[in-house]
Amino acid sequence: TFFIEAAKQYVQKQIDVDFDETNALHRLAVYLNVSHQYSNREPTGEKKQALEFSLKSIINQINLTG
């Protein structure tokens, strides 16, 4: 649940509208963010992967369509 709440906050800060848990794109953005954070959770000396293109694309779609 920590990852989910953090992802919701991240998405809310990135979009220009209020977060709507019933909106499929909003939920998908949260799921993609959680997946990315979980996959990159281990502290390593390796460079962390940048936030995936798919999440950035969905955030752009939300901002364009509301």
Foldseek 3Di string as FASTA:
>chain_A
DVLLVVQLVVLCVLAPDHQDPVDPLSVVLSVLSSVLCVVQVDDDPDDRDDRDPVSVVSRVVRNVPD
